[in-house]
Amino acid sequence: MEYWDLYDENRHKLNRKAKRGDYLQDSEYHLVVNAWIKNAKGEFLITQRSANKSHPLMWECTGGSALMGEGSLEAAKREVKEELGIDISDVEGIFVGSTKRYYEGCPDILDVWLFHYDVSLDKVKIQKEEVNDVKWASRKTIKELYDQKKFEANAYFEDIIGKKDYIYYIGLNANNAICNDNFFAGSITLYNTKEKGNIYFSDKFIEDTKSDIFMQKYYNFVYQTALEKQKKNPNTYFICFNEKIRKLCQKMSDINIIKSNSPEILDLLNDKFKTRELFKKYMPILEYKYFSGIRTYEEIKEIIKENEFVLQGQIGAGGDNTYLVTSSQNLPPLSAESNYCVSKYVINTPLNITLVIYDDKVLFLQISAQLILLTDHKFKYVGGDFIYPQNLDKKIIDQINKGSLQIAKDLQNMGYRGILGIDFVLKDGVVYFMEINPRFQASSFLISQALRQKYNIDIAKLHCDALMKKSVSPIKIGKIDYSFLNCNESEDFRVLCNYEILDKGYFKDNKSSVYRKIFNHSIINLLPFEKENK
């Protein structure tokens, strides 16, 4: 019987053991090793899994679980001896790196080792119940197997075979990349983001960023910068999050732009009305009446039989274009082209979940309570609270997870890939679907912070891997015990205390937030944010 030592997430050994097949708690990890063997020709000794194992006939490097009492390097050498009959006990091992992976009932810590060793294939004696075949393979061959989905790529695969990609973010808004600076090799932006590798167009605020003249200047700047980076390293890629920048970059046919989701699907997902109608088969939606053109307050009031109501535009983000109307004085300007919906105002708790959609899976990340203030009759998103949802009833969480998965599966079939946010409102124990956010969200930076702490990756990597059709190791973050608020002035939310300030990644003259205040406690009940049971 095979027994393992157990560790906590900080790699401290626990005073207990497990045998293979035991169910492990989320806080219990066992040690797994990968052993790459490289010869003097630069080839790697790779093995093909037995047809009787999981992932049958997939190629991979040698590896397995460390036994009780074994160290990481000792386990790597033993696995090579058992699976290949090769004794590398006297060979120096090069430690490549370590990561954690989440598997339901069996989370692990994966250590990756590299050994320089030459051996003839006729000296290799494979363990038939584990290995079907073995061969020396060049980096090119391994890349081809991987592209054909015939190679099982674990952590540090790109570092080992020299396939590491260098990805730059291209954008206009200085705060779009704030959660991703550890992942990107750099960024090309309008303003200085204060992040590593940033190349920026101007250090002075520009008023005419929507003009054709400006866009042509910015296009020339982005194109020449990207071309220079790509010439220095052909494995350099560029990604855009902003639709205007994506359209700009479509003209750059000789630049490695990571293919994003189609404009058609993005237009659909940004349309609040269409998505509500599309997904109400999975989750309830609040009762709405749809209008177009110019209407007076009295006309709308008469139709919906309410003296006060919420009016929301067809497109908008962050609470923009959402109003509480109580009289003709605060009815927003409407035109003949206006499309909007009207609903009864109900006290509710706004919630959000972040997902990442891949070719073959949907990765669930965190649920947050959205901090929304009613200011000048306008509902404005000002931050997020990740602690508050931890105390929600399990039935509510189940509603969110079930509905989110159904929506994500539909989007997966439509071809959508990458990061996705879904907004809900909670009223009297029922979760109502609100809208889709096909982008990074304001709360993404805290999720990325948790990912870095536990798995040493950024949320941008998950997004890029999904777009580039790469696999991802299983992930489960656990709790995020933080709240945050977007701030324009140092005095914003001055009644609250005990916070840290995050100001990296913001341009002081930008019209969006200058910095964020981060709290290590729940704050939704400390100010009149939208929520039930005020």
Protein backbone atom coordinates (compact mmCIF):
# COMPACT_ATOMS: atom_id res chain seq x y z
CA MET A 1 0.00 0.00 0.00
CA GLU A 2 1.36 3.44 -0.96
CA TYR A 3 1.41 6.04 1.83
CA TRP A 4 2.00 9.79 1.53
CA ASP A 5 3.04 12.57 3.87
CA LEU A 6 0.54 15.41 4.00
CA TYR A 7 1.33 19.14 3.93
CA ASP A 8 -0.54 22.40 4.40
CA GLU A 9 -0.69 24.99 1.61
CA ASN A 10 2.54 26.59 2.91
CA ARG A 11 4.34 23.24 2.55
CA HIS A 12 4.56 22.64 6.27
CA LYS A 13 4.34 18.93 6.98
CA LEU A 14 1.22 17.90 8.85
CA ASN A 15 1.34 15.30 11.60
CA ARG A 16 -0.66 12.77 9.59
CA LYS A 17 -0.41 10.55 6.55
CA ALA A 18 -2.71 9.21 3.83
CA LYS A 19 -2.72 6.19 1.59
CA ARG A 20 -3.34 6.41 -2.15
CA GLY A 21 -7.07 6.65 -2.74
CA ASP A 22 -7.90 8.38 0.54
CA TYR A 23 -10.06 11.50 0.28
CA LEU A 24 -8.01 14.59 1.15
CA GLN A 25 -9.48 17.82 2.49
CA ASP A 26 -8.88 21.10 0.63
CA SER A 27 -6.29 22.01 3.28
CA GLU A 28 -4.33 18.74 2.85
CA TYR A 29 -1.76 18.40 0.07
CA HIS A 30 0.47 15.51 -0.98
CA LEU A 31 3.74 15.94 -2.85
CA VAL A 32 4.02 15.12 -6.57
CA VAL A 33 7.17 15.35 -8.71
CA ASN A 34 7.94 15.72 -12.43
CA ALA A 35 11.36 14.62 -13.69
CA TRP A 36 12.55 15.93 -17.06
CA ILE A 37 15.64 14.19 -18.50
CA LYS A 38 17.65 16.05 -21.14
CA ASN A 39 20.57 14.68 -23.20
CA ALA A 40 23.58 16.39 -24.74
CA LYS A 41 21.66 16.87 -28.04
CA GLY A 42 19.03 18.95 -26.26
CA GLU A 43 16.42 16.18 -26.55
CA PHE A 44 14.09 15.11 -23.74
CA LEU A 45 13.25 11.56 -22.69
CA ILE A 46 9.46 11.41 -22.80
CA THR A 47 7.10 8.56 -22.00
CA GLN A 48 3.69 7.50 -23.25
CA ARG A 49 1.11 6.63 -20.61
CA SER A 50 -0.28 3.13 -20.48
CA ALA A 51 -3.61 2.59 -22.23
CA ASN A 52 -5.05 1.49 -18.87
CA LYS A 53 -4.27 4.76 -17.08
CA SER A 54 -6.17 8.04 -17.04
CA HIS A 55 -5.31 10.19 -20.08
CA PRO A 56 -4.39 7.00 -21.98
CA LEU A 57 -1.50 7.09 -24.47
CA MET A 58 -0.71 10.73 -23.76
CA TRP A 59 2.98 11.64 -23.85
CA GLU A 60 4.55 13.27 -20.81
CA CYS A 61 7.68 13.54 -18.72
CA THR A 62 8.29 11.02 -15.94
CA GLY A 63 6.62 11.69 -12.61
CA GLY A 64 4.56 10.49 -9.70
CA SER A 65 3.75 10.93 -6.01
CA ALA A 66 6.39 11.15 -3.29
CA LEU A 67 6.16 8.33 -0.75
CA MET A 68 5.99 8.86 2.98
CA GLY A 69 9.35 10.01 4.31
CA GLU A 70 10.70 10.98 0.88
CA GLY A 71 12.04 14.37 -0.07
CA SER A 72 11.21 15.93 -3.42
CA LEU A 73 14.51 15.18 -5.18
CA GLU A 74 14.64 11.66 -3.75
CA ALA A 75 11.12 11.00 -5.07
CA ALA A 76 12.00 12.29 -8.56
CA LYS A 77 15.01 9.98 -8.83
CA ARG A 78 13.02 7.01 -7.55
CA GLU A 79 10.24 7.58 -10.12
CA VAL A 80 12.82 7.57 -12.93
CA LYS A 81 14.29 4.33 -11.59
CA GLU A 82 10.89 2.62 -11.25
CA GLU A 83 9.33 3.75 -14.55
CA LEU A 84 12.41 3.69 -16.81
CA GLY A 85 14.93 1.47 -15.05
CA ILE A 86 17.49 4.31 -15.11
CA ASP A 87 19.65 5.00 -12.07
CA ILE A 88 20.25 8.74 -11.77
CA SER A 89 21.01 8.68 -8.05
CA ASP A 90 24.38 10.38 -8.66
CA VAL A 91 23.06 12.93 -11.16
CA GLU A 92 22.62 16.49 -9.94
CA GLY A 93 19.00 17.64 -10.10
CA ILE A 94 18.10 21.18 -11.15
CA PHE A 95 15.02 22.47 -9.36
CA VAL A 96 12.80 24.24 -11.89
CA GLY A 97 9.90 25.30 -9.70
CA SER A 98 6.91 24.38 -7.58
CA THR A 99 3.17 25.00 -7.75
CA LYS A 100 -0.05 23.86 -6.11
CA ARG A 101 -2.93 22.16 -7.94
CA TYR A 102 -6.49 21.60 -6.80
CA TYR A 103 -8.13 18.25 -7.46
CA GLU A 104 -11.35 17.42 -5.62
CA GLY A 105 -10.34 15.07 -2.82
CA CYS A 106 -6.66 15.07 -3.77
CA PRO A 107 -4.93 18.49 -3.93
CA ASP A 108 -1.18 18.38 -4.47
CA ILE A 109 2.06 20.33 -4.49
CA LEU A 110 3.94 19.72 -7.75
CA ASP A 111 7.74 20.02 -7.86
CA VAL A 112 9.49 20.03 -11.24
CA TRP A 113 13.09 18.77 -11.69
CA LEU A 114 15.48 18.70 -14.64
CA PHE A 115 18.33 16.16 -15.02
CA HIS A 116 21.09 16.20 -17.64
CA TYR A 117 21.72 12.58 -18.55
CA ASP A 118 22.57 10.55 -21.68
CA VAL A 119 21.29 7.01 -22.05
CA SER A 120 20.59 4.74 -25.01
CA LEU A 121 16.96 3.70 -25.45
CA ASP A 122 17.98 0.03 -25.40
CA LYS A 123 19.06 0.57 -21.78
CA VAL A 124 15.63 1.87 -20.82
CA LYS A 125 13.36 -0.70 -19.17
CA ILE A 126 9.84 0.66 -18.96
CA GLN A 127 7.33 -0.31 -16.29
CA LYS A 128 4.58 -1.75 -18.52
CA GLU A 129 1.67 -1.06 -16.16
CA GLU A 130 2.69 2.61 -16.16
CA VAL A 131 4.42 3.26 -19.50
CA ASN A 132 3.45 2.18 -23.03
CA ASP A 133 6.43 3.65 -24.92
CA VAL A 134 9.46 5.91 -24.53
CA LYS A 135 11.54 8.07 -26.88
CA TRP A 136 13.96 10.93 -27.11
CA ALA A 137 12.17 13.99 -28.53
CA SER A 138 13.34 17.41 -29.63
CA ARG A 139 11.68 20.61 -28.44
CA LYS A 140 10.05 20.89 -31.88
CA THR A 141 8.57 17.38 -31.62
CA ILE A 142 7.24 18.03 -28.12
CA LYS A 143 5.67 21.31 -29.26
CA GLU A 144 4.00 19.47 -32.15
CA LEU A 145 2.66 16.77 -29.80
CA TYR A 146 1.36 19.47 -27.48
CA ASP A 147 -0.36 21.35 -30.32
CA GLN A 148 -1.96 18.05 -31.39
CA LYS A 149 -3.17 17.58 -27.78
CA LYS A 150 -1.03 14.46 -27.43
CA PHE A 151 1.31 15.79 -24.73
CA GLU A 152 0.31 16.30 -21.10
CA ALA A 153 1.83 19.66 -20.18
CA ASN A 154 2.13 20.30 -16.46
CA ALA A 155 3.62 23.27 -14.64
CA TYR A 156 6.78 24.88 -16.05
CA PHE A 157 6.31 23.10 -19.39
CA GLU A 158 7.01 26.31 -21.32
CA ASP A 159 10.12 27.04 -19.25
CA ILE A 160 11.52 23.55 -19.86
CA ILE A 161 11.07 23.33 -23.64
CA GLY A 162 11.73 26.98 -24.38
CA LYS A 163 8.21 27.77 -25.55
CA LYS A 164 7.70 30.59 -23.10
CA ASP A 165 5.57 33.35 -24.56
CA TYR A 166 6.07 37.03 -23.74
CA ILE A 167 2.74 38.81 -23.70
CA TYR A 168 2.22 42.56 -23.72
CA TYR A 169 -1.00 44.33 -22.88
CA ILE A 170 -2.13 47.06 -25.29
CA GLY A 171 -4.67 49.58 -24.02
CA LEU A 172 -5.93 53.12 -23.66
CA ASN A 173 -7.09 53.22 -20.06
CA ALA A 174 -4.30 53.18 -17.52
CA ASN A 175 -6.20 51.10 -14.96
CA ASN A 176 -7.11 48.13 -17.18
CA ALA A 177 -3.91 46.18 -16.50
CA ILE A 178 -3.64 46.74 -12.76
CA CYS A 179 -4.40 43.12 -11.82
CA ASN A 180 -2.08 41.65 -14.42
CA ASP A 181 1.30 43.37 -14.14
CA ASN A 182 3.06 40.28 -12.74
CA PHE A 183 1.99 38.24 -15.76
CA PHE A 184 2.67 40.62 -18.61
CA ALA A 185 6.17 41.16 -19.94
CA GLY A 186 5.09 44.77 -20.30
CA SER A 187 2.38 47.01 -21.63
CA ILE A 188 1.81 49.59 -24.35
CA THR A 189 -0.58 52.22 -23.06
CA LEU A 190 -1.77 55.76 -23.51
CA TYR A 191 -0.50 56.85 -20.09
CA ASN A 192 2.15 55.67 -17.64
CA THR A 193 0.71 52.74 -15.65
CA LYS A 194 3.64 52.60 -13.19
CA GLU A 195 3.98 48.90 -14.00
CA LYS A 196 6.94 46.85 -15.14
CA GLY A 197 7.87 47.13 -18.82
CA ASN A 198 5.33 49.88 -19.49
CA ILE A 199 5.80 51.92 -22.66
CA TYR A 200 3.45 54.88 -22.77
CA PHE A 201 2.38 57.45 -25.35
CA SER A 202 2.10 60.52 -23.13
CA ASP A 203 2.72 61.68 -19.58
CA LYS A 204 0.24 64.55 -20.01
CA PHE A 205 -3.53 64.26 -20.03
CA ILE A 206 -4.97 64.32 -23.57
CA GLU A 207 -8.46 65.74 -24.12
CA ASP A 208 -9.12 64.53 -27.69
CA THR A 209 -8.58 60.77 -27.38
CA LYS A 210 -11.70 60.09 -29.48
CA SER A 211 -10.64 62.05 -32.55
CA ASP A 212 -9.48 60.37 -35.77
CA ILE A 213 -6.26 62.39 -35.70
CA PHE A 214 -5.38 61.14 -32.23
CA MET A 215 -6.28 57.53 -33.06
CA GLN A 216 -3.98 57.56 -36.09
CA LYS A 217 -1.11 58.88 -33.97
CA TYR A 218 -1.79 56.29 -31.32
CA TYR A 219 -2.03 53.54 -33.94
CA ASN A 220 1.42 54.49 -35.31
CA PHE A 221 2.88 54.49 -31.80
CA VAL A 222 1.40 51.09 -30.89
CA TYR A 223 2.33 49.50 -34.22
CA GLN A 224 5.97 50.62 -34.19
CA THR A 225 6.41 49.66 -30.52
CA ALA A 226 4.90 46.21 -31.03
CA LEU A 227 6.87 45.59 -34.21
CA GLU A 228 10.13 46.44 -32.43
CA LYS A 229 9.33 44.06 -29.54
CA GLN A 230 8.34 41.27 -31.91
CA LYS A 231 11.53 41.59 -33.97
CA LYS A 232 13.62 41.20 -30.82
CA ASN A 233 11.70 38.08 -29.75
CA PRO A 234 9.38 36.18 -32.17
CA ASN A 235 7.61 34.58 -29.16
CA THR A 236 6.15 37.97 -28.27
CA TYR A 237 2.35 38.33 -28.35
CA PHE A 238 -0.04 41.18 -27.70
CA ILE A 239 -3.52 41.26 -26.20
CA CYS A 240 -6.21 43.95 -26.11
CA PHE A 241 -9.14 44.16 -23.70
CA ASN A 242 -10.72 47.34 -25.04
CA GLU A 243 -12.99 47.01 -28.09
CA LYS A 244 -11.71 50.26 -29.63
CA ILE A 245 -8.12 49.06 -29.32
CA ARG A 246 -9.03 45.62 -30.69
CA LYS A 247 -10.41 47.27 -33.82
CA LEU A 248 -7.27 49.37 -34.06
CA CYS A 249 -5.04 46.29 -33.81
CA GLN A 250 -6.98 44.36 -36.45
CA LYS A 251 -5.10 46.42 -39.03
CA MET A 252 -1.75 45.12 -37.73
CA SER A 253 -1.64 41.93 -39.82
CA ASP A 254 2.08 41.34 -39.20
CA ILE A 255 1.81 41.65 -35.39
CA ASN A 256 1.12 38.62 -33.14
CA ILE A 257 -2.22 39.76 -31.74
CA ILE A 258 -3.89 37.09 -29.58
CA LYS A 259 -7.21 36.28 -31.21
CA SER A 260 -10.05 37.48 -29.02
CA ASN A 261 -13.76 36.77 -29.01
CA SER A 262 -15.69 37.88 -32.08
CA PRO A 263 -17.27 41.37 -32.13
CA GLU A 264 -20.64 39.68 -32.69
CA ILE A 265 -20.54 37.69 -29.46
CA LEU A 266 -19.14 40.66 -27.51
CA ASP A 267 -21.94 42.89 -28.82
CA LEU A 268 -24.46 40.26 -27.74
CA LEU A 269 -23.01 39.90 -24.24
CA ASN A 270 -22.78 43.65 -23.71
CA ASP A 271 -26.47 43.98 -24.53
CA LYS A 272 -28.35 43.80 -21.21
CA PHE A 273 -31.72 43.28 -22.87
CA LYS A 274 -30.72 40.44 -25.18
CA THR A 275 -28.81 38.52 -22.49
CA ARG A 276 -31.72 38.71 -20.06
CA GLU A 277 -34.06 37.26 -22.64
CA LEU A 278 -31.46 34.67 -23.65
CA PHE A 279 -30.71 33.34 -20.16
CA LYS A 280 -34.05 33.69 -18.36
CA LYS A 281 -34.59 30.01 -19.21
CA TYR A 282 -31.92 29.23 -16.57
CA MET A 283 -32.54 31.89 -13.93
CA PRO A 284 -35.39 34.25 -13.11
CA ILE A 285 -35.09 37.90 -14.10
CA LEU A 286 -36.81 40.89 -12.52
CA GLU A 287 -39.93 42.13 -14.26
CA TYR A 288 -39.00 44.74 -16.87
CA LYS A 289 -40.81 46.79 -19.49
CA TYR A 290 -38.79 47.79 -22.53
CA PHE A 291 -39.11 51.24 -24.12
CA SER A 292 -37.61 53.17 -27.00
CA GLY A 293 -37.71 56.82 -27.97
CA ILE A 294 -38.74 59.81 -25.88
CA ARG A 295 -41.16 59.29 -23.00
CA THR A 296 -42.15 61.58 -20.17
CA TYR A 297 -42.05 60.63 -16.51
CA GLU A 298 -45.84 60.70 -16.38
CA GLU A 299 -46.13 58.36 -19.38
CA ILE A 300 -43.73 55.80 -17.92
CA LYS A 301 -45.32 56.04 -14.47
CA GLU A 302 -48.75 55.41 -15.95
CA ILE A 303 -47.58 52.33 -17.89
CA ILE A 304 -45.72 50.59 -15.05
CA LYS A 305 -48.01 51.82 -12.26
CA GLU A 306 -45.10 52.95 -10.07
CA ASN A 307 -44.21 56.44 -8.80
CA GLU A 308 -40.51 55.57 -8.59
CA PHE A 309 -38.66 53.18 -10.84
CA VAL A 310 -35.25 52.11 -12.10
CA LEU A 311 -34.41 53.13 -15.67
CA GLN A 312 -31.49 51.35 -17.32
CA GLY A 313 -29.91 51.78 -20.73
CA GLN A 314 -29.26 48.88 -23.08
CA ILE A 315 -25.46 49.19 -22.80
CA GLY A 316 -23.42 50.24 -19.79
CA ALA A 317 -20.93 49.10 -17.17
CA GLY A 318 -20.09 49.92 -13.57
CA GLY A 319 -23.59 51.27 -12.91
CA ASP A 320 -23.26 53.79 -15.71
CA ASN A 321 -26.60 54.39 -17.41
CA THR A 322 -28.71 53.14 -14.46
CA TYR A 323 -30.98 55.64 -12.68
CA LEU A 324 -33.53 55.81 -9.90
CA VAL A 325 -36.30 58.02 -11.22
CA THR A 326 -38.69 59.61 -8.70
CA SER A 327 -39.90 62.65 -10.66
CA SER A 328 -39.62 64.36 -14.03
CA GLN A 329 -36.67 66.38 -12.66
CA ASN A 330 -34.41 63.31 -12.44
CA LEU A 331 -35.53 61.50 -15.58
CA PRO A 332 -32.32 61.18 -17.67
CA PRO A 333 -32.24 62.80 -21.14
CA LEU A 334 -33.90 60.56 -23.73
CA SER A 335 -33.77 60.77 -27.50
CA ALA A 336 -35.60 59.19 -30.41
CA GLU A 337 -32.78 56.59 -30.58
CA SER A 338 -32.85 55.73 -26.87
CA ASN A 339 -33.44 52.11 -25.86
CA TYR A 340 -34.03 51.47 -22.17
CA CYS A 341 -35.90 49.29 -19.72
CA VAL A 342 -37.88 50.24 -16.65
CA SER A 343 -38.58 48.17 -13.55
CA LYS A 344 -39.95 48.62 -10.07
CA TYR A 345 -37.24 49.58 -7.59
CA VAL A 346 -36.73 46.72 -5.14
CA ILE A 347 -34.24 46.62 -2.29
CA ASN A 348 -31.71 43.90 -3.14
CA THR A 349 -28.14 42.74 -2.68
CA PRO A 350 -26.10 42.94 -5.91
CA LEU A 351 -23.75 39.97 -6.40
CA ASN A 352 -21.14 39.00 -8.98
CA ILE A 353 -19.19 35.86 -9.90
CA THR A 354 -16.03 35.57 -11.99
CA LEU A 355 -15.49 32.60 -14.34
CA VAL A 356 -12.96 31.58 -16.97
CA ILE A 357 -14.26 29.60 -19.96
CA TYR A 358 -11.91 27.15 -21.72
CA ASP A 359 -12.44 24.73 -24.61
CA ASP A 360 -13.17 21.83 -22.26
CA LYS A 361 -13.95 23.31 -18.85
CA VAL A 362 -15.37 26.22 -16.91
CA LEU A 363 -13.25 27.51 -14.02
CA PHE A 364 -15.25 29.02 -11.14
CA LEU A 365 -13.45 31.76 -9.23
CA GLN A 366 -15.00 34.00 -6.58
CA ILE A 367 -18.35 35.54 -5.65
CA SER A 368 -18.39 39.13 -4.40
CA ALA A 369 -21.04 41.54 -3.18
CA GLN A 370 -21.05 44.61 -5.40
CA LEU A 371 -20.81 47.87 -3.48
CA ILE A 372 -23.25 50.23 -5.18
CA LEU A 373 -24.14 53.70 -3.96
CA LEU A 374 -27.11 55.77 -5.05
CA THR A 375 -25.64 59.19 -5.84
CA ASP A 376 -27.60 61.98 -7.55
CA HIS A 377 -30.25 59.44 -8.51
CA LYS A 378 -27.66 57.27 -10.25
CA PHE A 379 -26.57 53.78 -9.15
CA LYS A 380 -22.78 53.73 -9.18
CA TYR A 381 -20.47 50.73 -8.67
CA VAL A 382 -17.76 51.83 -6.21
CA GLY A 383 -16.17 48.56 -5.04
CA GLY A 384 -16.56 44.96 -3.99
CA ASP A 385 -16.84 42.89 -0.80
CA PHE A 386 -15.59 39.29 -0.97
CA ILE A 387 -16.22 38.53 2.70
CA TYR A 388 -19.97 39.16 2.79
CA PRO A 389 -20.89 36.27 0.39
CA GLN A 390 -19.07 33.77 2.61
CA ASN A 391 -22.05 33.85 4.99
CA LEU A 392 -24.76 33.44 2.36
CA ASP A 393 -27.07 30.45 2.66
CA LYS A 394 -25.88 27.40 0.71
CA LYS A 395 -29.12 27.44 -1.31
CA ILE A 396 -28.24 30.90 -2.60
CA ILE A 397 -24.71 29.81 -3.56
CA ASP A 398 -26.16 26.76 -5.31
CA GLN A 399 -28.50 29.00 -7.34
CA ILE A 400 -25.55 31.14 -8.43
CA ASN A 401 -23.32 28.19 -9.29
CA LYS A 402 -25.98 26.23 -11.16
CA GLY A 403 -27.18 29.20 -13.20
CA SER A 404 -23.62 30.37 -13.91
CA LEU A 405 -22.61 26.95 -15.21
CA GLN A 406 -25.63 26.74 -17.52
CA ILE A 407 -24.93 30.23 -18.88
CA ALA A 408 -21.20 29.48 -19.27
CA LYS A 409 -21.89 26.24 -21.14
CA ASP A 410 -24.10 28.10 -23.61
CA LEU A 411 -21.39 30.72 -24.14
CA GLN A 412 -18.77 27.98 -24.50
CA ASN A 413 -20.86 26.44 -27.30
CA MET A 414 -21.15 29.88 -28.92
CA GLY A 415 -17.35 30.09 -28.99
CA TYR A 416 -16.74 32.51 -26.13
CA ARG A 417 -13.43 32.00 -24.32
CA GLY A 418 -11.69 33.70 -21.43
CA ILE A 419 -12.71 35.69 -18.39
CA LEU A 420 -16.37 36.38 -17.74
CA GLY A 421 -18.33 38.14 -15.02
CA ILE A 422 -22.01 37.54 -14.29
CA ASP A 423 -24.07 39.99 -12.24
CA PHE A 424 -27.05 38.98 -10.13
CA VAL A 425 -29.38 40.55 -7.60
CA LEU A 426 -30.51 38.72 -4.47
CA LYS A 427 -34.05 39.39 -3.24
CA ASP A 428 -35.84 37.36 -0.55
CA GLY A 429 -33.60 34.32 -1.02
CA VAL A 430 -34.02 34.24 -4.82
CA VAL A 431 -31.13 34.99 -7.19
CA TYR A 432 -32.08 36.94 -10.32
CA PHE A 433 -29.86 37.17 -13.40
CA MET A 434 -28.88 40.74 -14.35
CA GLU A 435 -26.10 40.99 -16.95
CA ILE A 436 -22.88 39.65 -18.45
CA ASN A 437 -19.46 41.30 -18.22
CA PRO A 438 -17.24 39.85 -21.00
CA ARG A 439 -14.11 41.46 -19.63
CA PHE A 440 -11.87 41.92 -16.61
CA GLN A 441 -13.79 43.55 -13.79
CA ALA A 442 -12.91 46.04 -11.10
CA SER A 443 -12.71 43.17 -8.60
CA SER A 444 -10.34 41.10 -10.77
CA PHE A 445 -7.26 42.54 -9.08
CA LEU A 446 -8.17 40.95 -5.72
CA ILE A 447 -8.80 37.58 -7.36
CA SER A 448 -5.44 37.90 -9.10
CA GLN A 449 -3.79 38.73 -5.78
CA ALA A 450 -5.22 35.51 -4.27
CA LEU A 451 -4.10 33.48 -7.31
CA ARG A 452 -0.56 34.80 -7.00
CA GLN A 453 -0.44 33.99 -3.32
CA LYS A 454 -1.65 30.41 -3.72
CA TYR A 455 -0.61 29.38 -7.26
CA ASN A 456 1.89 32.04 -8.36
CA ILE A 457 -0.18 32.97 -11.43
CA ASP A 458 -2.23 35.98 -12.47
CA ILE A 459 -5.81 36.05 -13.66
CA ALA A 460 -4.53 37.39 -16.99
CA LYS A 461 -2.69 34.11 -17.57
CA LEU A 462 -5.91 32.16 -17.12
CA HIS A 463 -7.62 34.47 -19.62
CA CYS A 464 -4.78 34.29 -22.18
CA ASP A 465 -4.46 30.51 -21.83
CA ALA A 466 -8.18 30.18 -22.59
CA LEU A 467 -7.89 32.41 -25.68
CA MET A 468 -4.76 30.57 -26.85
CA LYS A 469 -6.43 27.19 -26.21
CA LYS A 470 -3.91 26.09 -23.59
CA SER A 471 -4.68 23.80 -20.68
CA VAL A 472 -4.79 25.00 -17.09
CA SER A 473 -3.99 23.26 -13.82
CA PRO A 474 -6.98 22.75 -11.49
CA ILE A 475 -7.46 25.76 -9.21
CA LYS A 476 -9.48 26.53 -6.11
CA ILE A 477 -8.61 29.79 -4.42
CA GLY A 478 -10.56 29.45 -1.20
CA LYS A 479 -11.66 32.54 0.71
CA ILE A 480 -10.72 36.10 -0.22
CA ASP A 481 -10.96 38.03 3.04
CA TYR A 482 -10.92 41.54 1.58
CA SER A 483 -13.15 44.40 0.48
CA PHE A 484 -12.16 47.39 -1.65
CA LEU A 485 -13.39 50.82 -2.73
CA ASN A 486 -12.52 52.86 -5.81
CA CYS A 487 -11.45 56.37 -4.82
CA ASN A 488 -10.85 59.61 -6.71
CA GLU A 489 -9.83 61.70 -3.68
CA SER A 490 -7.96 60.83 -0.50
CA GLU A 491 -11.02 61.95 1.49
CA ASP A 492 -13.38 59.54 -0.27
CA PHE A 493 -15.13 57.26 2.24
CA ARG A 494 -13.30 59.04 5.06
CA VAL A 495 -15.71 57.64 7.66
CA LEU A 496 -14.10 54.22 7.16
CA CYS A 497 -10.74 53.31 8.66
CA ASN A 498 -8.23 50.44 8.74
CA TYR A 499 -7.35 50.22 5.07
CA GLU A 500 -4.34 50.00 2.80
CA ILE A 501 -4.04 52.12 -0.34
CA LEU A 502 -3.26 50.63 -3.75
CA ASP A 503 -2.27 53.38 -6.18
CA LYS A 504 -0.10 51.53 -8.69
CA GLY A 505 -1.51 51.48 -12.19
CA TYR A 506 -3.51 54.71 -12.15
CA PHE A 507 -3.02 58.01 -13.92
CA LYS A 508 -3.90 60.90 -11.62
CA ASP A 509 -5.73 62.95 -14.29
CA ASN A 510 -7.74 60.00 -15.57
CA LYS A 511 -11.49 60.33 -15.05
CA SER A 512 -11.74 56.88 -13.47
CA SER A 513 -10.41 55.95 -10.03
CA VAL A 514 -7.04 57.26 -8.92
CA TYR A 515 -6.48 54.48 -6.37
CA ARG A 516 -8.20 51.87 -4.25
CA LYS A 517 -8.67 51.48 -0.52
CA ILE A 518 -8.41 47.82 0.55
CA PHE A 519 -9.98 46.55 3.80
CA ASN A 520 -9.39 43.23 5.56
CA HIS A 521 -12.99 43.12 6.76
CA SER A 522 -16.49 43.26 5.31
CA ILE A 523 -17.67 46.83 4.69
CA ILE A 524 -21.05 46.41 2.98
CA ASN A 525 -22.88 47.17 6.24
CA LEU A 526 -20.77 50.23 7.10
CA LEU A 527 -22.22 52.61 4.49
CA PRO A 528 -25.58 52.82 2.68
CA PHE A 529 -24.57 50.43 -0.10
CA GLU A 530 -27.40 48.65 -1.91
CA LYS A 531 -28.35 45.54 0.09
CA GLU A 532 -31.27 43.78 1.69
CA ASN A 533 -32.08 44.35 5.39
CA LYS A 534 -30.72 47.89 5.57
